[in-house]
């Protein structure tokens, strides 16, 4: 979960902020591939859970 958050919210926006805006589903799919063939739905669930935890 932390690895996904780090790349999604720190690494990519610092370099590609304008280019990644609006490509959430595409990024979920690519993160799933990067993390060893995890489905994009699983990545979405992890991403949303992480966002909920950070908002508390």
Protein backbone atom coordinates (compact mmCIF):
# COMPACT_ATOMS: atom_id res chain seq x y z
CA UNK A 1 0.00 0.00 0.00
CA UNK A 2 2.78 2.42 0.90
CA UNK A 3 4.66 1.69 -2.32
CA UNK A 4 1.57 2.47 -4.41
CA UNK A 5 0.96 5.70 -2.47
CA UNK A 6 4.60 6.77 -2.80
CA UNK A 7 4.72 6.37 -6.58
CA UNK A 8 1.17 7.62 -7.22
CA UNK A 9 1.23 10.71 -5.01
CA UNK A 10 4.89 11.66 -4.74
CA UNK A 11 7.00 10.40 -7.63
CA UNK A 12 4.69 10.74 -10.63
CA UNK A 13 3.15 14.13 -9.75
CA UNK A 14 6.54 15.64 -9.05
CA UNK A 15 7.60 14.93 -12.62
CA UNK A 16 4.42 14.41 -14.68
CA UNK A 17 1.65 16.35 -12.89
CA UNK A 18 -0.01 17.68 -16.03
CA UNK A 19 0.37 14.49 -18.06
CA UNK A 20 -1.17 12.07 -15.51
CA UNK A 21 -4.25 14.14 -14.71
CA UNK A 22 -7.34 12.22 -15.86
CA UNK A 23 -5.59 8.87 -16.34
CA UNK A 24 -6.51 7.19 -13.05
CA UNK A 25 -7.77 3.94 -14.58
CA UNK A 26 -4.75 3.68 -16.87
CA UNK A 27 -2.40 4.24 -13.91
CA UNK A 28 -4.25 1.60 -11.85
CA UNK A 29 -3.72 -0.90 -14.67
CA UNK A 30 -0.03 -0.05 -15.05
CA UNK A 31 0.61 -0.16 -11.30
CA UNK A 32 -1.00 -3.59 -11.25
CA UNK A 33 1.39 -4.79 -13.93
CA UNK A 34 4.35 -3.20 -12.13
CA UNK A 35 3.42 -4.90 -8.85
CA UNK A 36 3.39 -8.36 -10.37
CA UNK A 37 0.17 -8.80 -12.29
CA UNK A 38 -2.29 -7.45 -9.73
CA UNK A 39 -5.67 -6.56 -11.24
CA UNK A 40 -6.55 -2.91 -11.79
CA UNK A 41 -9.61 -3.42 -9.55
CA UNK A 42 -7.35 -4.50 -6.69
CA UNK A 43 -5.15 -1.46 -7.21
CA UNK A 44 -8.23 0.75 -7.21
CA UNK A 45 -9.38 -0.75 -3.91
CA UNK A 46 -5.94 -0.22 -2.38
CA UNK A 47 -5.76 3.34 -3.69
CA UNK A 48 -9.19 4.23 -2.33
CA UNK A 49 -8.46 2.62 1.06
CA UNK A 50 -5.21 4.55 1.28
CA UNK A 51 -6.99 7.80 0.44
CA UNK A 52 -9.63 7.15 3.12
CA UNK A 53 -6.96 6.47 5.74
CA UNK A 54 -5.07 9.62 4.87
CA UNK A 55 -8.22 11.75 5.13
CA UNK A 56 -8.95 10.66 8.71
